[in-house]
């Protein structure tokens, strides 16, 4: 039977792939799908479900759009404050009609 040994070379970082992936993940925000449960005026978020929990939007703080690019469709972004006093940044993919979470900041 042939035995193999795993060796780490001197100066080599173990799990470098995981470290690079974690570093890259901090550079590029993870975008998660959101289920939009209710909207105001057919385009503003009113209530959404994210990670299994339901959130009610109390205040829309900012709205902006990013035009269509060769590699992605046009997006409408919303910075919102919800009933739990946390801030969220959502975007609506205007071509696909899907909603996504860009960032969440919970006040502590």
N, C-alpha and C. Protein backbone atom coordinates (compact mmCIF):
# COMPACT_ATOMS: atom_id res chain seq x y z
N UNK A 1 0.84 -1.17 0.00
CA UNK A 1 0.00 0.00 0.00
C UNK A 1 0.90 1.24 0.00
N UNK A 2 0.52 2.21 -0.80
CA UNK A 2 1.29 3.44 -0.93
C UNK A 2 0.79 4.47 0.07
N UNK A 3 1.70 5.03 0.83
CA UNK A 3 1.33 6.05 1.81
C UNK A 3 1.77 7.41 1.29
N UNK A 4 0.92 8.37 1.50
CA UNK A 4 1.27 9.73 1.12
C UNK A 4 1.26 10.60 2.36
N UNK A 5 2.12 11.58 2.36
CA UNK A 5 2.19 12.52 3.47
C UNK A 5 1.88 13.90 2.96
N UNK A 6 1.12 14.63 3.71
CA UNK A 6 0.85 16.01 3.39
C UNK A 6 1.90 16.85 4.10
N UNK A 7 2.65 17.62 3.33
CA UNK A 7 3.68 18.46 3.92
C UNK A 7 3.40 19.91 3.57
N UNK A 8 3.71 20.77 4.50
CA UNK A 8 3.65 22.20 4.25
C UNK A 8 5.07 22.68 4.07
N UNK A 9 5.30 23.32 2.96
CA UNK A 9 6.63 23.83 2.68
C UNK A 9 6.95 24.99 3.60
N UNK A 10 8.22 25.15 3.97
CA UNK A 10 8.58 26.29 4.82
C UNK A 10 8.20 27.60 4.13
N UNK A 11 7.55 28.46 4.86
CA UNK A 11 7.14 29.76 4.33
C UNK A 11 5.80 29.73 3.61
N UNK A 12 5.26 28.54 3.35
CA UNK A 12 3.97 28.44 2.67
C UNK A 12 2.85 28.61 3.69
N UNK A 13 1.77 29.25 3.27
CA UNK A 13 0.63 29.46 4.15
C UNK A 13 -0.35 28.32 4.00
N UNK A 14 -0.68 27.63 5.08
CA UNK A 14 -1.71 26.60 4.98
C UNK A 14 -3.06 27.24 4.69
N UNK A 15 -3.89 26.54 3.95
CA UNK A 15 -5.25 27.01 3.61
C UNK A 15 -5.24 28.34 2.88
N UNK A 16 -4.27 28.57 2.03
CA UNK A 16 -4.18 29.86 1.34
C UNK A 16 -5.39 30.12 0.46
N UNK A 17 -5.99 29.07 -0.08
CA UNK A 17 -7.19 29.24 -0.91
C UNK A 17 -8.35 29.81 -0.11
N UNK A 18 -8.50 29.33 1.12
CA UNK A 18 -9.57 29.84 1.98
C UNK A 18 -9.29 31.29 2.37
N UNK A 19 -8.03 31.60 2.60
CA UNK A 19 -7.69 32.98 2.97
C UNK A 19 -7.93 33.94 1.82
N UNK A 20 -7.56 33.53 0.61
CA UNK A 20 -7.79 34.38 -0.56
C UNK A 20 -9.29 34.57 -0.77
N UNK A 21 -10.06 33.49 -0.61
CA UNK A 21 -11.50 33.58 -0.78
C UNK A 21 -12.13 34.52 0.25
N UNK A 22 -11.67 34.45 1.50
CA UNK A 22 -12.19 35.35 2.53
C UNK A 22 -11.83 36.79 2.24
N UNK A 23 -10.61 37.01 1.78
CA UNK A 23 -10.16 38.37 1.44
C UNK A 23 -10.99 38.93 0.29
N UNK A 24 -11.20 38.12 -0.75
CA UNK A 24 -11.98 38.55 -1.90
C UNK A 24 -13.43 38.82 -1.50
N UNK A 25 -13.95 38.00 -0.59
CA UNK A 25 -15.32 38.19 -0.12
C UNK A 25 -15.52 39.51 0.60
N UNK A 26 -14.48 40.01 1.25
CA UNK A 26 -14.57 41.31 1.90
C UNK A 26 -14.52 42.45 0.89
N UNK A 27 -13.84 42.23 -0.23
CA UNK A 27 -13.76 43.26 -1.28
C UNK A 27 -15.06 43.39 -2.04
N UNK A 28 -15.65 42.27 -2.40
CA UNK A 28 -16.87 42.25 -3.20
C UNK A 28 -18.03 41.89 -2.28
N UNK A 29 -19.00 42.78 -2.12
CA UNK A 29 -20.11 42.47 -1.23
C UNK A 29 -20.92 41.30 -1.75
N UNK A 30 -21.33 40.44 -0.84
CA UNK A 30 -22.17 39.32 -1.26
C UNK A 30 -23.58 39.84 -1.50
N UNK A 31 -24.16 39.39 -2.56
CA UNK A 31 -25.50 39.82 -2.95
C UNK A 31 -26.43 38.63 -2.74
N UNK A 32 -27.43 38.81 -1.89
CA UNK A 32 -28.35 37.73 -1.57
C UNK A 32 -29.74 38.04 -2.10
N UNK A 33 -30.47 37.02 -2.53
CA UNK A 33 -31.84 37.26 -3.03
C UNK A 33 -32.77 37.66 -1.90
N UNK A 34 -33.74 38.48 -2.24
CA UNK A 34 -34.76 38.97 -1.31
C UNK A 34 -36.11 38.74 -1.95
N UNK A 35 -37.07 38.29 -1.15
CA UNK A 35 -38.45 38.16 -1.63
C UNK A 35 -39.19 39.44 -1.28
N UNK A 36 -39.66 40.16 -2.29
CA UNK A 36 -40.40 41.39 -2.06
C UNK A 36 -41.87 41.02 -1.85
N UNK A 37 -42.38 41.27 -0.65
CA UNK A 37 -43.74 40.89 -0.28
C UNK A 37 -44.76 41.98 -0.62
N UNK A 38 -44.35 43.26 -0.51
CA UNK A 38 -45.25 44.37 -0.80
C UNK A 38 -44.43 45.57 -1.27
N UNK A 39 -45.05 46.35 -2.18
CA UNK A 39 -44.39 47.54 -2.71
C UNK A 39 -45.32 48.73 -2.66
N UNK A 40 -44.75 49.92 -2.57
CA UNK A 40 -45.50 51.17 -2.68
C UNK A 40 -45.35 51.69 -4.10
N UNK A 41 -46.39 52.20 -4.65
CA UNK A 41 -46.37 52.82 -5.98
C UNK A 41 -45.76 51.90 -7.04
N UNK A 42 -45.84 50.59 -6.83
CA UNK A 42 -45.39 49.55 -7.77
C UNK A 42 -43.88 49.53 -8.00
N UNK A 43 -43.10 50.26 -7.18
CA UNK A 43 -41.64 50.17 -7.36
C UNK A 43 -40.85 50.36 -6.06
N UNK A 44 -41.42 50.96 -5.03
CA UNK A 44 -40.69 51.16 -3.78
C UNK A 44 -40.93 49.98 -2.83
N UNK A 45 -39.88 49.52 -2.15
CA UNK A 45 -40.07 48.40 -1.22
C UNK A 45 -40.89 48.83 0.00
N UNK A 46 -41.81 47.98 0.42
CA UNK A 46 -42.63 48.24 1.60
C UNK A 46 -42.41 47.14 2.65
N UNK A 47 -42.38 45.90 2.19
CA UNK A 47 -42.15 44.75 3.07
C UNK A 47 -41.40 43.69 2.28
N UNK A 48 -40.35 43.12 2.90
CA UNK A 48 -39.58 42.09 2.21
C UNK A 48 -39.18 40.98 3.18
N UNK A 49 -38.84 39.83 2.62
CA UNK A 49 -38.40 38.68 3.40
C UNK A 49 -36.95 38.38 3.00
N UNK A 50 -36.09 38.28 4.03
CA UNK A 50 -34.67 38.01 3.81
C UNK A 50 -34.19 37.04 4.88
N UNK A 51 -33.55 35.97 4.47
CA UNK A 51 -33.05 34.93 5.38
C UNK A 51 -34.16 34.40 6.29
N UNK A 52 -35.36 34.29 5.73
CA UNK A 52 -36.47 33.71 6.46
C UNK A 52 -37.23 34.66 7.38
N UNK A 53 -36.76 35.89 7.53
CA UNK A 53 -37.43 36.86 8.40
C UNK A 53 -38.09 37.95 7.56
N UNK A 54 -39.19 38.49 8.07
CA UNK A 54 -39.93 39.53 7.37
C UNK A 54 -39.56 40.90 7.94
N UNK A 55 -39.38 41.89 7.05
CA UNK A 55 -39.00 43.25 7.45
C UNK A 55 -39.98 44.24 6.83
N UNK A 56 -40.40 45.23 7.64
CA UNK A 56 -41.28 46.29 7.16
C UNK A 56 -40.46 47.57 7.04
N UNK A 57 -40.49 48.18 5.87
CA UNK A 57 -39.74 49.41 5.62
C UNK A 57 -40.49 50.58 6.23
N UNK A 58 -39.81 51.32 7.10
CA UNK A 58 -40.40 52.51 7.72
C UNK A 58 -40.02 53.78 6.98
N UNK A 59 -38.82 53.80 6.41
CA UNK A 59 -38.33 55.02 5.79
C UNK A 59 -37.35 54.68 4.66
N UNK A 60 -37.54 55.30 3.51
CA UNK A 60 -36.58 55.17 2.41
C UNK A 60 -35.65 56.37 2.49
N UNK A 61 -34.38 56.11 2.75
CA UNK A 61 -33.41 57.18 2.97
C UNK A 61 -32.80 57.71 1.68
N UNK A 62 -32.63 56.82 0.71
CA UNK A 62 -31.99 57.25 -0.55
C UNK A 62 -32.38 56.29 -1.67
N UNK A 63 -32.51 56.83 -2.87
CA UNK A 63 -32.79 56.02 -4.07
C UNK A 63 -31.83 56.49 -5.16
N UNK A 64 -31.24 55.53 -5.85
CA UNK A 64 -30.38 55.88 -6.99
C UNK A 64 -30.41 54.74 -8.00
N UNK A 65 -30.01 55.05 -9.21
CA UNK A 65 -30.03 54.04 -10.28
C UNK A 65 -28.66 53.90 -10.90
N UNK A 66 -28.39 52.69 -11.36
CA UNK A 66 -27.18 52.40 -12.13
C UNK A 66 -27.65 51.96 -13.51
N UNK A 67 -27.18 52.63 -14.56
CA UNK A 67 -27.64 52.28 -15.90
C UNK A 67 -27.14 50.90 -16.33
N UNK A 68 -27.75 50.41 -17.38
CA UNK A 68 -27.37 49.11 -17.93
C UNK A 68 -25.91 49.14 -18.39
N UNK A 69 -25.21 48.06 -18.14
CA UNK A 69 -23.82 47.88 -18.57
C UNK A 69 -23.78 46.67 -19.49
N UNK A 70 -22.70 46.50 -20.25
CA UNK A 70 -22.61 45.32 -21.12
C UNK A 70 -22.68 44.00 -20.35
N UNK A 71 -22.27 44.00 -19.09
CA UNK A 71 -22.22 42.76 -18.30
C UNK A 71 -23.36 42.62 -17.30
N UNK A 72 -24.23 43.62 -17.16
CA UNK A 72 -25.37 43.51 -16.24
C UNK A 72 -26.48 44.48 -16.63
N UNK A 73 -27.68 44.17 -16.17
CA UNK A 73 -28.83 45.02 -16.49
C UNK A 73 -28.91 46.22 -15.55
N UNK A 74 -29.80 47.14 -15.85
CA UNK A 74 -29.98 48.34 -15.03
C UNK A 74 -30.52 47.96 -13.66
N UNK A 75 -30.11 48.72 -12.64
CA UNK A 75 -30.52 48.45 -11.27
C UNK A 75 -31.01 49.74 -10.61
N UNK A 76 -32.01 49.59 -9.74
CA UNK A 76 -32.49 50.69 -8.91
C UNK A 76 -32.19 50.32 -7.46
N UNK A 77 -31.40 51.14 -6.78
CA UNK A 77 -30.98 50.88 -5.41
C UNK A 77 -31.83 51.67 -4.42
N UNK A 78 -32.05 51.07 -3.25
CA UNK A 78 -32.81 51.70 -2.17
C UNK A 78 -32.05 51.51 -0.87
N UNK A 79 -31.77 52.60 -0.19
CA UNK A 79 -31.25 52.54 1.17
C UNK A 79 -32.44 52.77 2.08
N UNK A 80 -32.78 51.78 2.90
CA UNK A 80 -34.00 51.83 3.70
C UNK A 80 -33.70 51.61 5.18
N UNK A 81 -34.61 52.11 6.02
CA UNK A 81 -34.57 51.84 7.46
C UNK A 81 -35.85 51.08 7.78
N UNK A 82 -35.70 49.99 8.54
CA UNK A 82 -36.85 49.14 8.84
C UNK A 82 -37.32 49.31 10.28
N UNK A 83 -38.40 48.60 10.62
CA UNK A 83 -39.01 48.70 11.94
C UNK A 83 -38.05 48.33 13.07
N UNK A 84 -37.01 47.55 12.78
CA UNK A 84 -36.04 47.15 13.81
C UNK A 84 -34.89 48.16 13.94
N UNK A 85 -35.02 49.33 13.30
CA UNK A 85 -34.05 50.43 13.32
C UNK A 85 -32.74 50.08 12.61
N UNK A 86 -32.72 49.02 11.83
CA UNK A 86 -31.54 48.65 11.05
C UNK A 86 -31.65 49.25 9.66
N UNK A 87 -30.50 49.51 9.04
CA UNK A 87 -30.45 50.04 7.67
C UNK A 87 -30.08 48.92 6.71
N UNK A 88 -30.72 48.92 5.55
CA UNK A 88 -30.47 47.91 4.54
C UNK A 88 -30.33 48.59 3.18
N UNK A 89 -29.50 48.03 2.33
CA UNK A 89 -29.39 48.50 0.96
C UNK A 89 -29.85 47.36 0.06
N UNK A 90 -30.91 47.62 -0.67
CA UNK A 90 -31.50 46.66 -1.60
C UNK A 90 -31.36 47.18 -3.01
N UNK A 91 -31.39 46.27 -3.98
CA UNK A 91 -31.53 46.73 -5.36
C UNK A 91 -32.51 45.88 -6.11
N UNK A 92 -33.14 46.50 -7.09
CA UNK A 92 -34.11 45.87 -7.96
C UNK A 92 -33.48 45.74 -9.33
N UNK A 93 -33.32 44.51 -9.81
CA UNK A 93 -32.83 44.27 -11.17
C UNK A 93 -33.99 44.57 -12.10
N UNK A 94 -33.89 45.66 -12.85
CA UNK A 94 -35.04 46.13 -13.62
C UNK A 94 -35.37 45.25 -14.80
N UNK A 95 -34.42 44.50 -15.31
CA UNK A 95 -34.70 43.60 -16.44
C UNK A 95 -35.30 42.29 -15.95
N UNK A 96 -34.72 41.69 -14.94
CA UNK A 96 -35.20 40.39 -14.44
C UNK A 96 -36.38 40.54 -13.48
N UNK A 97 -36.51 41.72 -12.86
CA UNK A 97 -37.59 41.93 -11.90
C UNK A 97 -37.30 41.34 -10.53
N UNK A 98 -36.06 40.99 -10.25
CA UNK A 98 -35.70 40.37 -8.98
C UNK A 98 -35.13 41.41 -8.02
N UNK A 99 -35.20 41.10 -6.72
CA UNK A 99 -34.70 41.97 -5.66
C UNK A 99 -33.55 41.28 -4.94
N UNK A 100 -32.59 42.08 -4.48
CA UNK A 100 -31.40 41.53 -3.83
C UNK A 100 -30.95 42.44 -2.69
N UNK A 101 -30.32 41.82 -1.66
CA UNK A 101 -29.74 42.54 -0.53
C UNK A 101 -28.26 42.76 -0.81
N UNK A 102 -27.82 44.02 -0.65
CA UNK A 102 -26.41 44.35 -0.83
C UNK A 102 -25.73 44.46 0.52
N UNK A 103 -26.35 45.16 1.47
CA UNK A 103 -25.73 45.32 2.78
C UNK A 103 -26.80 45.49 3.86
N UNK A 104 -26.40 45.14 5.09
CA UNK A 104 -27.27 45.29 6.25
C UNK A 104 -26.44 45.83 7.39
N UNK A 105 -26.92 46.87 8.06
CA UNK A 105 -26.22 47.47 9.20
C UNK A 105 -27.20 47.59 10.36
N UNK A 106 -27.02 46.76 11.36
CA UNK A 106 -27.90 46.75 12.52
C UNK A 106 -27.31 47.68 13.58
N UNK A 107 -28.13 48.57 14.09
CA UNK A 107 -27.67 49.47 15.17
C UNK A 107 -27.59 48.68 16.45
N UNK A 108 -26.51 48.89 17.19
CA UNK A 108 -26.35 48.12 18.42
C UNK A 108 -26.24 48.89 19.64
